[in-house]
Amino acid sequence: MIRHLPNLISALRLLAAPFAAWLILEGHDIAALLIFAAAGASDGLDGFIARRWGVTSAFGAWLDPIADKLLMLFCFTALTHIGATPFWLLVLVVARDLAIVLGWLLIRQLSLPAPTSPLLIGKLSTVVQILYIFTLLLLLSFDVHAPRLALAAAWGCGLFVVLSAAAYAGIFLRGFLSGSRAA
């Protein structure tokens, strides 16, 4: 049973993504916060279980980041729809993730060496995005109107997204130009 537990947890996080977005759209802010927080905790839990008991899998290595990205994408989209997140930030987040996926696919198609692991700035960008969503859900849950804080958080999140995109673009560009190991 433990062999499949990390993938089951990731699958539940994948299912939580549209549910969290629906809760945001329907104004169930506390429930959305709790689902988002539980999904975030589950990300650490599935990784811990997989490493601790040596039950990693190729499917899990694919499913885990997809579940994370979809959770954030659904929440960013819902928060933008209700006016809590600026549209430009949603565009930045989606464009960055799309560019990374397309760059990776192009490198694979051209049989160039692909990056072997996420960059530290990419991980930091993901953490900042999670903290941004959590902060907005916290503000909404307690009906705190803090537009300056929300805007500052959006700009901070946007900065990390842009820095991460630039770092990945540099790696992909070096891989294309040199044909050497990209990461």
N, C-alpha and C. Protein backbone atom coordinates (compact mmCIF):
# COMPACT_ATOMS: atom_id res chain seq x y z
N MET A 1 0.82 -1.21 0.00
CA MET A 1 0.00 0.00 0.00
C MET A 1 0.86 1.26 0.00
N ILE A 2 1.94 1.25 0.78
CA ILE A 2 2.75 2.46 0.88
C ILE A 2 3.41 2.81 -0.45
N ARG A 3 3.58 1.81 -1.29
CA ARG A 3 4.20 2.02 -2.60
C ARG A 3 3.42 3.03 -3.44
N HIS A 4 2.10 3.02 -3.32
CA HIS A 4 1.24 3.88 -4.13
C HIS A 4 0.80 5.16 -3.40
N LEU A 5 1.13 5.25 -2.12
CA LEU A 5 0.66 6.38 -1.31
C LEU A 5 1.12 7.75 -1.84
N PRO A 6 2.40 7.93 -2.22
CA PRO A 6 2.79 9.25 -2.73
C PRO A 6 1.99 9.67 -3.98
N ASN A 7 1.77 8.73 -4.89
CA ASN A 7 1.01 9.05 -6.10
C ASN A 7 -0.46 9.32 -5.77
N LEU A 8 -1.00 8.61 -4.80
CA LEU A 8 -2.38 8.85 -4.37
C LEU A 8 -2.51 10.25 -3.77
N ILE A 9 -1.54 10.65 -2.97
CA ILE A 9 -1.56 11.98 -2.37
C ILE A 9 -1.46 13.05 -3.46
N SER A 10 -0.58 12.84 -4.44
CA SER A 10 -0.46 13.78 -5.56
C SER A 10 -1.75 13.85 -6.36
N ALA A 11 -2.38 12.71 -6.56
CA ALA A 11 -3.65 12.68 -7.30
C ALA A 11 -4.74 13.45 -6.55
N LEU A 12 -4.76 13.31 -5.23
CA LEU A 12 -5.73 14.07 -4.43
C LEU A 12 -5.46 15.57 -4.54
N ARG A 13 -4.18 15.96 -4.59
CA ARG A 13 -3.83 17.37 -4.77
C ARG A 13 -4.29 17.86 -6.15
N LEU A 14 -4.18 17.00 -7.13
CA LEU A 14 -4.65 17.33 -8.47
C LEU A 14 -6.16 17.57 -8.45
N LEU A 15 -6.89 16.75 -7.72
CA LEU A 15 -8.34 16.91 -7.59
C LEU A 15 -8.69 18.15 -6.75
N ALA A 16 -7.81 18.51 -5.84
CA ALA A 16 -8.06 19.67 -4.99
C ALA A 16 -7.98 20.98 -5.78
N ALA A 17 -7.25 20.98 -6.89
CA ALA A 17 -7.05 22.22 -7.66
C ALA A 17 -8.36 22.85 -8.12
N PRO A 18 -9.20 22.13 -8.86
CA PRO A 18 -10.45 22.77 -9.28
C PRO A 18 -11.40 23.03 -8.10
N PHE A 19 -11.33 22.20 -7.08
CA PHE A 19 -12.18 22.40 -5.91
C PHE A 19 -11.79 23.69 -5.18
N ALA A 20 -10.49 23.92 -5.00
CA ALA A 20 -10.03 25.15 -4.35
C ALA A 20 -10.45 26.37 -5.16
N ALA A 21 -10.32 26.28 -6.48
CA ALA A 21 -10.72 27.41 -7.35
C ALA A 21 -12.21 27.66 -7.23
N TRP A 22 -13.00 26.61 -7.22
CA TRP A 22 -14.46 26.76 -7.08
C TRP A 22 -14.80 27.43 -5.75
N LEU A 23 -14.12 27.01 -4.69
CA LEU A 23 -14.37 27.62 -3.38
C LEU A 23 -14.03 29.11 -3.40
N ILE A 24 -12.95 29.48 -4.07
CA ILE A 24 -12.58 30.90 -4.18
C ILE A 24 -13.67 31.65 -4.94
N LEU A 25 -14.08 31.09 -6.06
CA LEU A 25 -15.09 31.76 -6.90
C LEU A 25 -16.42 31.91 -6.18
N GLU A 26 -16.76 30.97 -5.32
CA GLU A 26 -18.02 30.99 -4.60
C GLU A 26 -17.95 31.78 -3.29
N GLY A 27 -16.76 32.31 -2.97
CA GLY A 27 -16.63 33.12 -1.76
C GLY A 27 -16.48 32.33 -0.48
N HIS A 28 -16.16 31.06 -0.59
CA HIS A 28 -15.92 30.22 0.59
C HIS A 28 -14.43 30.30 0.93
N ASP A 29 -14.03 31.47 1.40
CA ASP A 29 -12.62 31.79 1.54
C ASP A 29 -11.90 30.92 2.56
N ILE A 30 -12.51 30.70 3.71
CA ILE A 30 -11.86 29.88 4.74
C ILE A 30 -11.69 28.45 4.24
N ALA A 31 -12.70 27.91 3.60
CA ALA A 31 -12.59 26.55 3.06
C ALA A 31 -11.51 26.50 1.97
N ALA A 32 -11.44 27.53 1.13
CA ALA A 32 -10.40 27.57 0.08
C ALA A 32 -9.01 27.62 0.72
N LEU A 33 -8.87 28.42 1.77
CA LEU A 33 -7.60 28.52 2.49
C LEU A 33 -7.21 27.16 3.06
N LEU A 34 -8.16 26.48 3.68
CA LEU A 34 -7.87 25.18 4.28
C LEU A 34 -7.51 24.13 3.23
N ILE A 35 -8.23 24.12 2.11
CA ILE A 35 -7.92 23.17 1.04
C ILE A 35 -6.54 23.48 0.45
N PHE A 36 -6.26 24.77 0.22
CA PHE A 36 -4.96 25.15 -0.33
C PHE A 36 -3.84 24.77 0.63
N ALA A 37 -4.03 25.04 1.92
CA ALA A 37 -3.01 24.70 2.92
C ALA A 37 -2.81 23.19 3.01
N ALA A 38 -3.90 22.44 2.98
CA ALA A 38 -3.79 20.98 3.02
C ALA A 38 -3.08 20.45 1.78
N ALA A 39 -3.40 21.03 0.63
CA ALA A 39 -2.75 20.62 -0.61
C ALA A 39 -1.25 20.94 -0.55
N GLY A 40 -0.91 22.10 0.01
CA GLY A 40 0.50 22.46 0.16
C GLY A 40 1.22 21.50 1.09
N ALA A 41 0.59 21.16 2.19
CA ALA A 41 1.19 20.20 3.13
C ALA A 41 1.33 18.83 2.48
N SER A 42 0.36 18.46 1.66
CA SER A 42 0.42 17.16 1.00
C SER A 42 1.60 17.07 0.03
N ASP A 43 2.03 18.21 -0.52
CA ASP A 43 3.17 18.21 -1.42
C ASP A 43 4.43 17.78 -0.68
N GLY A 44 4.61 18.29 0.52
CA GLY A 44 5.75 17.88 1.31
C GLY A 44 5.63 16.44 1.79
N LEU A 45 4.41 16.05 2.13
CA LEU A 45 4.17 14.70 2.64
C LEU A 45 4.45 13.63 1.59
N ASP A 46 3.96 13.82 0.36
CA ASP A 46 4.17 12.78 -0.66
C ASP A 46 5.66 12.64 -0.99
N GLY A 47 6.37 13.77 -1.02
CA GLY A 47 7.81 13.70 -1.27
C GLY A 47 8.56 13.00 -0.14
N PHE A 48 8.17 13.31 1.09
CA PHE A 48 8.80 12.67 2.25
C PHE A 48 8.58 11.16 2.22
N ILE A 49 7.35 10.74 1.99
CA ILE A 49 7.04 9.31 1.96
C ILE A 49 7.81 8.61 0.84
N ALA A 50 7.83 9.24 -0.33
CA ALA A 50 8.52 8.63 -1.47
C ALA A 50 10.02 8.45 -1.20
N ARG A 51 10.64 9.47 -0.60
CA ARG A 51 12.08 9.38 -0.31
C ARG A 51 12.35 8.46 0.89
N ARG A 52 11.55 8.59 1.93
CA ARG A 52 11.79 7.84 3.17
C ARG A 52 11.69 6.33 2.95
N TRP A 53 10.71 5.91 2.18
CA TRP A 53 10.51 4.48 1.97
C TRP A 53 10.95 4.03 0.57
N GLY A 54 11.59 4.91 -0.16
CA GLY A 54 12.14 4.53 -1.47
C GLY A 54 11.09 4.09 -2.47
N VAL A 55 9.95 4.77 -2.47
CA VAL A 55 8.86 4.39 -3.38
C VAL A 55 8.65 5.46 -4.46
N THR A 56 9.74 5.99 -4.97
CA THR A 56 9.64 6.96 -6.05
C THR A 56 9.30 6.22 -7.35
N SER A 57 8.69 6.95 -8.27
CA SER A 57 8.36 6.36 -9.56
C SER A 57 8.44 7.42 -10.65
N ALA A 58 8.59 6.98 -11.88
CA ALA A 58 8.61 7.92 -13.01
C ALA A 58 7.26 8.63 -13.10
N PHE A 59 6.18 7.89 -12.86
CA PHE A 59 4.85 8.49 -12.90
C PHE A 59 4.71 9.56 -11.81
N GLY A 60 5.19 9.25 -10.62
CA GLY A 60 5.12 10.21 -9.52
C GLY A 60 5.97 11.45 -9.79
N ALA A 61 7.11 11.26 -10.43
CA ALA A 61 7.98 12.40 -10.78
C ALA A 61 7.29 13.32 -11.78
N TRP A 62 6.37 12.79 -12.54
CA TRP A 62 5.60 13.58 -13.50
C TRP A 62 4.35 14.16 -12.84
N LEU A 63 3.66 13.34 -12.06
CA LEU A 63 2.38 13.73 -11.46
C LEU A 63 2.54 14.84 -10.41
N ASP A 64 3.56 14.74 -9.57
CA ASP A 64 3.73 15.70 -8.48
C ASP A 64 3.85 17.14 -8.97
N PRO A 65 4.75 17.46 -9.90
CA PRO A 65 4.83 18.86 -10.34
C PRO A 65 3.60 19.31 -11.13
N ILE A 66 2.96 18.40 -11.84
CA ILE A 66 1.73 18.75 -12.57
C ILE A 66 0.64 19.14 -11.57
N ALA A 67 0.51 18.36 -10.50
CA ALA A 67 -0.50 18.66 -9.48
C ALA A 67 -0.21 20.02 -8.84
N ASP A 68 1.07 20.28 -8.57
CA ASP A 68 1.45 21.58 -7.98
C ASP A 68 1.09 22.73 -8.91
N LYS A 69 1.48 22.60 -10.16
CA LYS A 69 1.25 23.68 -11.14
C LYS A 69 -0.23 23.91 -11.37
N LEU A 70 -1.00 22.84 -11.47
CA LEU A 70 -2.44 23.01 -11.69
C LEU A 70 -3.13 23.63 -10.47
N LEU A 71 -2.69 23.26 -9.28
CA LEU A 71 -3.25 23.88 -8.08
C LEU A 71 -3.01 25.39 -8.12
N MET A 72 -1.79 25.78 -8.42
CA MET A 72 -1.48 27.21 -8.46
C MET A 72 -2.18 27.90 -9.63
N LEU A 73 -2.21 27.26 -10.78
CA LEU A 73 -2.87 27.86 -11.94
C LEU A 73 -4.36 28.08 -11.68
N PHE A 74 -5.02 27.08 -11.14
CA PHE A 74 -6.45 27.22 -10.84
C PHE A 74 -6.68 28.33 -9.80
N CYS A 75 -5.83 28.36 -8.77
CA CYS A 75 -6.01 29.39 -7.73
C CYS A 75 -5.69 30.78 -8.26
N PHE A 76 -4.61 30.91 -9.03
CA PHE A 76 -4.29 32.22 -9.63
C PHE A 76 -5.44 32.69 -10.52
N THR A 77 -5.98 31.78 -11.32
CA THR A 77 -7.07 32.14 -12.23
C THR A 77 -8.31 32.57 -11.45
N ALA A 78 -8.66 31.82 -10.42
CA ALA A 78 -9.84 32.17 -9.61
C ALA A 78 -9.61 33.50 -8.88
N LEU A 79 -8.43 33.69 -8.33
CA LEU A 79 -8.14 34.95 -7.63
C LEU A 79 -8.15 36.13 -8.59
N THR A 80 -7.72 35.91 -9.81
CA THR A 80 -7.79 36.98 -10.83
C THR A 80 -9.24 37.26 -11.18
N HIS A 81 -10.03 36.21 -11.32
CA HIS A 81 -11.45 36.37 -11.68
C HIS A 81 -12.22 37.19 -10.64
N ILE A 82 -11.89 37.01 -9.37
CA ILE A 82 -12.61 37.77 -8.33
C ILE A 82 -11.96 39.13 -8.07
N GLY A 83 -10.89 39.44 -8.78
CA GLY A 83 -10.26 40.75 -8.65
C GLY A 83 -9.22 40.86 -7.55
N ALA A 84 -8.83 39.75 -6.95
CA ALA A 84 -7.85 39.78 -5.88
C ALA A 84 -6.41 39.78 -6.41
N THR A 85 -6.22 39.21 -7.59
CA THR A 85 -4.90 39.14 -8.22
C THR A 85 -4.95 39.93 -9.52
N PRO A 86 -3.91 40.73 -9.78
CA PRO A 86 -3.90 41.46 -11.06
C PRO A 86 -3.71 40.51 -12.25
N PHE A 87 -4.36 40.86 -13.34
CA PHE A 87 -4.31 40.03 -14.54
C PHE A 87 -2.88 39.85 -15.04
N TRP A 88 -2.07 40.91 -14.94
CA TRP A 88 -0.69 40.82 -15.44
C TRP A 88 0.10 39.74 -14.72
N LEU A 89 -0.20 39.50 -13.43
CA LEU A 89 0.52 38.46 -12.69
C LEU A 89 0.11 37.08 -13.18
N LEU A 90 -1.18 36.89 -13.42
CA LEU A 90 -1.63 35.62 -13.99
C LEU A 90 -0.94 35.36 -15.32
N VAL A 91 -0.85 36.38 -16.17
CA VAL A 91 -0.20 36.23 -17.47
C VAL A 91 1.27 35.86 -17.30
N LEU A 92 1.97 36.52 -16.37
CA LEU A 92 3.38 36.20 -16.13
C LEU A 92 3.57 34.75 -15.68
N VAL A 93 2.76 34.31 -14.74
CA VAL A 93 2.88 32.95 -14.20
C VAL A 93 2.61 31.93 -15.30
N VAL A 94 1.55 32.13 -16.05
CA VAL A 94 1.20 31.18 -17.12
C VAL A 94 2.26 31.20 -18.22
N ALA A 95 2.72 32.39 -18.61
CA ALA A 95 3.72 32.50 -19.67
C ALA A 95 5.03 31.83 -19.27
N ARG A 96 5.43 32.01 -18.03
CA ARG A 96 6.67 31.38 -17.55
C ARG A 96 6.56 29.86 -17.62
N ASP A 97 5.49 29.33 -17.06
CA ASP A 97 5.34 27.87 -17.05
C ASP A 97 5.20 27.32 -18.46
N LEU A 98 4.47 27.99 -19.30
CA LEU A 98 4.31 27.56 -20.69
C LEU A 98 5.65 27.61 -21.43
N ALA A 99 6.42 28.67 -21.22
CA ALA A 99 7.72 28.79 -21.88
C ALA A 99 8.67 27.68 -21.43
N ILE A 100 8.64 27.34 -20.14
CA ILE A 100 9.50 26.26 -19.65
C ILE A 100 9.11 24.94 -20.28
N VAL A 101 7.83 24.65 -20.33
CA VAL A 101 7.37 23.40 -20.94
C VAL A 101 7.72 23.35 -22.42
N LEU A 102 7.45 24.44 -23.14
CA LEU A 102 7.76 24.47 -24.57
C LEU A 102 9.26 24.38 -24.82
N GLY A 103 10.06 25.05 -24.00
CA GLY A 103 11.51 24.97 -24.14
C GLY A 103 12.01 23.55 -23.92
N TRP A 104 11.48 22.90 -22.89
CA TRP A 104 11.87 21.53 -22.61
C TRP A 104 11.47 20.60 -23.76
N LEU A 105 10.25 20.78 -24.26
CA LEU A 105 9.80 19.94 -25.38
C LEU A 105 10.64 20.16 -26.64
N LEU A 106 11.01 21.40 -26.90
CA LEU A 106 11.84 21.71 -28.06
C LEU A 106 13.23 21.10 -27.93
N ILE A 107 13.79 21.20 -26.75
CA ILE A 107 15.10 20.59 -26.51
C ILE A 107 15.03 19.08 -26.71
N ARG A 108 13.97 18.47 -26.22
CA ARG A 108 13.78 17.02 -26.41
C ARG A 108 13.62 16.68 -27.89
N GLN A 109 12.81 17.47 -28.59
CA GLN A 109 12.56 17.23 -30.01
C GLN A 109 13.85 17.34 -30.82
N LEU A 110 14.72 18.25 -30.45
CA LEU A 110 15.98 18.47 -31.16
C LEU A 110 17.11 17.59 -30.62
N SER A 111 16.78 16.72 -29.66
CA SER A 111 17.75 15.81 -29.04
C SER A 111 18.92 16.54 -28.40
N LEU A 112 18.65 17.70 -27.85
CA LEU A 112 19.68 18.43 -27.11
C LEU A 112 19.60 18.02 -25.65
N PRO A 113 20.69 18.21 -24.92
CA PRO A 113 20.63 17.85 -23.50
C PRO A 113 19.62 18.73 -22.77
N ALA A 114 18.82 18.10 -21.94
CA ALA A 114 17.78 18.82 -21.18
C ALA A 114 18.28 19.10 -19.77
N PRO A 115 17.79 20.17 -19.16
CA PRO A 115 18.13 20.42 -17.75
C PRO A 115 17.75 19.22 -16.90
N THR A 116 18.62 18.87 -15.96
CA THR A 116 18.38 17.67 -15.18
C THR A 116 17.62 17.90 -13.89
N SER A 117 17.61 19.14 -13.41
CA SER A 117 16.89 19.41 -12.17
C SER A 117 16.44 20.86 -12.15
N PRO A 118 15.43 21.14 -11.34
CA PRO A 118 14.95 22.52 -11.24
C PRO A 118 16.03 23.44 -10.67
N LEU A 119 16.02 24.67 -11.10
CA LEU A 119 16.94 25.67 -10.58
C LEU A 119 16.46 26.16 -9.22
N LEU A 120 17.40 26.63 -8.42
CA LEU A 120 17.03 27.18 -7.11
C LEU A 120 16.07 28.35 -7.26
N ILE A 121 16.31 29.22 -8.24
CA ILE A 121 15.40 30.36 -8.44
C ILE A 121 14.01 29.89 -8.86
N GLY A 122 13.94 28.78 -9.59
CA GLY A 122 12.64 28.21 -9.96
C GLY A 122 11.90 27.71 -8.73
N LYS A 123 12.63 27.05 -7.84
CA LYS A 123 12.02 26.58 -6.59
C LYS A 123 11.57 27.76 -5.72
N LEU A 124 12.43 28.79 -5.66
CA LEU A 124 12.07 29.99 -4.89
C LEU A 124 10.84 30.67 -5.48
N SER A 125 10.77 30.71 -6.80
CA SER A 125 9.60 31.30 -7.46
C SER A 125 8.33 30.54 -7.08
N THR A 126 8.42 29.23 -7.07
CA THR A 126 7.27 28.42 -6.68
C THR A 126 6.87 28.69 -5.23
N VAL A 127 7.84 28.77 -4.34
CA VAL A 127 7.56 29.05 -2.93
C VAL A 127 6.90 30.42 -2.79
N VAL A 128 7.43 31.42 -3.51
CA VAL A 128 6.85 32.76 -3.43
C VAL A 128 5.42 32.77 -3.98
N GLN A 129 5.17 32.03 -5.05
CA GLN A 129 3.81 31.95 -5.59
C GLN A 129 2.86 31.31 -4.59
N ILE A 130 3.32 30.26 -3.92
CA ILE A 130 2.49 29.60 -2.90
C ILE A 130 2.20 30.57 -1.75
N LEU A 131 3.24 31.26 -1.30
CA LEU A 131 3.06 32.23 -0.21
C LEU A 131 2.13 33.37 -0.64
N TYR A 132 2.22 33.77 -1.89
CA TYR A 132 1.34 34.83 -2.39
C TYR A 132 -0.13 34.37 -2.34
N ILE A 133 -0.40 33.20 -2.87
CA ILE A 133 -1.77 32.68 -2.87
C ILE A 133 -2.25 32.52 -1.42
N PHE A 134 -1.41 31.95 -0.58
CA PHE A 134 -1.78 31.75 0.82
C PHE A 134 -2.09 33.09 1.49
N THR A 135 -1.27 34.10 1.23
CA THR A 135 -1.50 35.44 1.81
C THR A 135 -2.83 36.01 1.37
N LEU A 136 -3.11 35.93 0.07
CA LEU A 136 -4.40 36.45 -0.42
C LEU A 136 -5.57 35.69 0.18
N LEU A 137 -5.46 34.37 0.26
CA LEU A 137 -6.55 33.59 0.84
C LEU A 137 -6.72 33.91 2.33
N LEU A 138 -5.62 34.17 3.00
CA LEU A 138 -5.68 34.56 4.41
C LEU A 138 -6.39 35.91 4.56
N LEU A 139 -6.02 36.88 3.72
CA LEU A 139 -6.67 38.19 3.75
C LEU A 139 -8.17 38.07 3.47
N LEU A 140 -8.50 37.26 2.45
CA LEU A 140 -9.92 37.07 2.11
C LEU A 140 -10.67 36.37 3.24
N SER A 141 -10.02 35.37 3.84
CA SER A 141 -10.68 34.59 4.90
C SER A 141 -11.04 35.45 6.10
N PHE A 142 -10.20 36.41 6.42
CA PHE A 142 -10.44 37.26 7.58
C PHE A 142 -10.99 38.62 7.18
N ASP A 143 -11.40 38.73 5.93
CA ASP A 143 -12.02 39.95 5.40
C ASP A 143 -11.18 41.19 5.68
N VAL A 144 -9.87 41.04 5.46
CA VAL A 144 -8.94 42.14 5.66
C VAL A 144 -8.70 42.81 4.32
N HIS A 145 -8.99 44.08 4.27
CA HIS A 145 -8.78 44.86 3.05
C HIS A 145 -7.42 45.55 3.17
N ALA A 146 -6.44 45.01 2.46
CA ALA A 146 -5.07 45.54 2.51
C ALA A 146 -4.52 45.65 1.09
N PRO A 147 -5.02 46.61 0.31
CA PRO A 147 -4.62 46.69 -1.10
C PRO A 147 -3.13 46.93 -1.30
N ARG A 148 -2.50 47.70 -0.42
CA ARG A 148 -1.05 47.93 -0.57
C ARG A 148 -0.26 46.66 -0.34
N LEU A 149 -0.65 45.90 0.67
CA LEU A 149 0.02 44.63 0.94
C LEU A 149 -0.19 43.67 -0.23
N ALA A 150 -1.41 43.58 -0.73
CA ALA A 150 -1.70 42.69 -1.85
C ALA A 150 -0.91 43.09 -3.09
N LEU A 151 -0.82 44.38 -3.36
CA LEU A 151 -0.07 44.85 -4.54
C LEU A 151 1.43 44.61 -4.36
N ALA A 152 1.95 44.88 -3.16
CA ALA A 152 3.38 44.61 -2.91
C ALA A 152 3.68 43.12 -3.06
N ALA A 153 2.78 42.28 -2.56
CA ALA A 153 2.96 40.83 -2.69
C ALA A 153 2.92 40.42 -4.16
N ALA A 154 2.02 41.03 -4.94
CA ALA A 154 1.93 40.73 -6.37
C ALA A 154 3.22 41.11 -7.08
N TRP A 155 3.75 42.30 -6.78
CA TRP A 155 5.01 42.73 -7.41
C TRP A 155 6.17 41.83 -6.99
N GLY A 156 6.22 41.44 -5.74
CA GLY A 156 7.28 40.53 -5.29
C GLY A 156 7.19 39.18 -5.97
N CYS A 157 5.98 38.67 -6.07
CA CYS A 157 5.75 37.40 -6.76
C CYS A 157 6.15 37.53 -8.23
N GLY A 158 5.72 38.61 -8.86
CA GLY A 158 6.04 38.85 -10.26
C GLY A 158 7.55 38.92 -10.49
N LEU A 159 8.27 39.55 -9.57
CA LEU A 159 9.72 39.65 -9.69
C LEU A 159 10.37 38.27 -9.70
N PHE A 160 9.95 37.40 -8.79
CA PHE A 160 10.52 36.05 -8.75
C PHE A 160 10.14 35.26 -10.00
N VAL A 161 8.95 35.45 -10.51
CA VAL A 161 8.53 34.77 -11.73
C VAL A 161 9.42 35.20 -12.90
N VAL A 162 9.66 36.50 -13.02
CA VAL A 162 10.50 37.01 -14.11
C VAL A 162 11.94 36.54 -13.96
N LEU A 163 12.50 36.60 -12.75
CA LEU A 163 13.87 36.14 -12.53
C LEU A 163 14.01 34.65 -12.87
N SER A 164 13.03 33.88 -12.47
CA SER A 164 13.04 32.45 -12.77
C SER A 164 12.94 32.21 -14.28
N ALA A 165 12.06 32.93 -14.94
CA ALA A 165 11.91 32.78 -16.39
C ALA A 165 13.20 33.13 -17.11
N ALA A 166 13.86 34.19 -16.66
CA ALA A 166 15.12 34.60 -17.28
C ALA A 166 16.21 33.54 -17.08
N ALA A 167 16.26 32.96 -15.89
CA ALA A 167 17.26 31.94 -15.61
C ALA A 167 17.04 30.70 -16.49
N TYR A 168 15.79 30.26 -16.59
CA TYR A 168 15.50 29.11 -17.44
C TYR A 168 15.74 29.43 -18.91
N ALA A 169 15.41 30.63 -19.33
CA ALA A 169 15.65 31.04 -20.72
C ALA A 169 17.14 31.00 -21.02
N GLY A 170 17.96 31.44 -20.06
CA GLY A 170 19.41 31.39 -20.25
C GLY A 170 19.92 29.97 -20.38
N ILE A 171 19.41 29.07 -19.58
CA ILE A 171 19.84 27.67 -19.66
C ILE A 171 19.42 27.07 -21.00
N PHE A 172 18.17 27.30 -21.40
CA PHE A 172 17.71 26.75 -22.67
C PHE A 172 18.49 27.33 -23.84
N LEU A 173 18.76 28.62 -23.78
CA LEU A 173 19.50 29.28 -24.86
C LEU A 173 20.92 28.73 -24.95
N ARG A 174 21.57 28.57 -23.80
CA ARG A 174 22.92 27.97 -23.82
C ARG A 174 22.88 26.55 -24.38
N GLY A 175 21.85 25.81 -24.03
CA GLY A 175 21.72 24.44 -24.55
C GLY A 175 21.55 24.43 -26.07
N PHE A 176 20.77 25.36 -26.58
CA PHE A 176 20.57 25.45 -28.03
C PHE A 176 21.85 25.88 -28.74
N LEU A 177 22.53 26.86 -28.18
CA LEU A 177 23.71 27.41 -28.85
C LEU A 177 24.93 26.52 -28.77
N SER A 178 25.10 25.86 -27.66
CA SER A 178 26.32 25.08 -27.48
C SER A 178 26.14 23.59 -27.76
N GLY A 179 24.93 23.10 -27.57
CA GLY A 179 24.72 21.66 -27.70
C GLY A 179 25.33 20.88 -26.56
N SER A 180 25.87 21.60 -25.57
CA SER A 180 26.48 20.94 -24.41
C SER A 180 25.41 20.71 -23.34
N ARG A 181 25.80 20.05 -22.29
CA ARG A 181 24.87 19.75 -21.20
C ARG A 181 24.30 21.05 -20.66
N ALA A 182 22.96 21.15 -20.65
CA ALA A 182 22.27 22.38 -20.30
C ALA A 182 22.21 22.62 -18.80
N ALA A 183 22.31 21.60 -18.01
CA ALA A 183 22.22 21.81 -16.56
C ALA A 183 23.15 20.88 -15.83
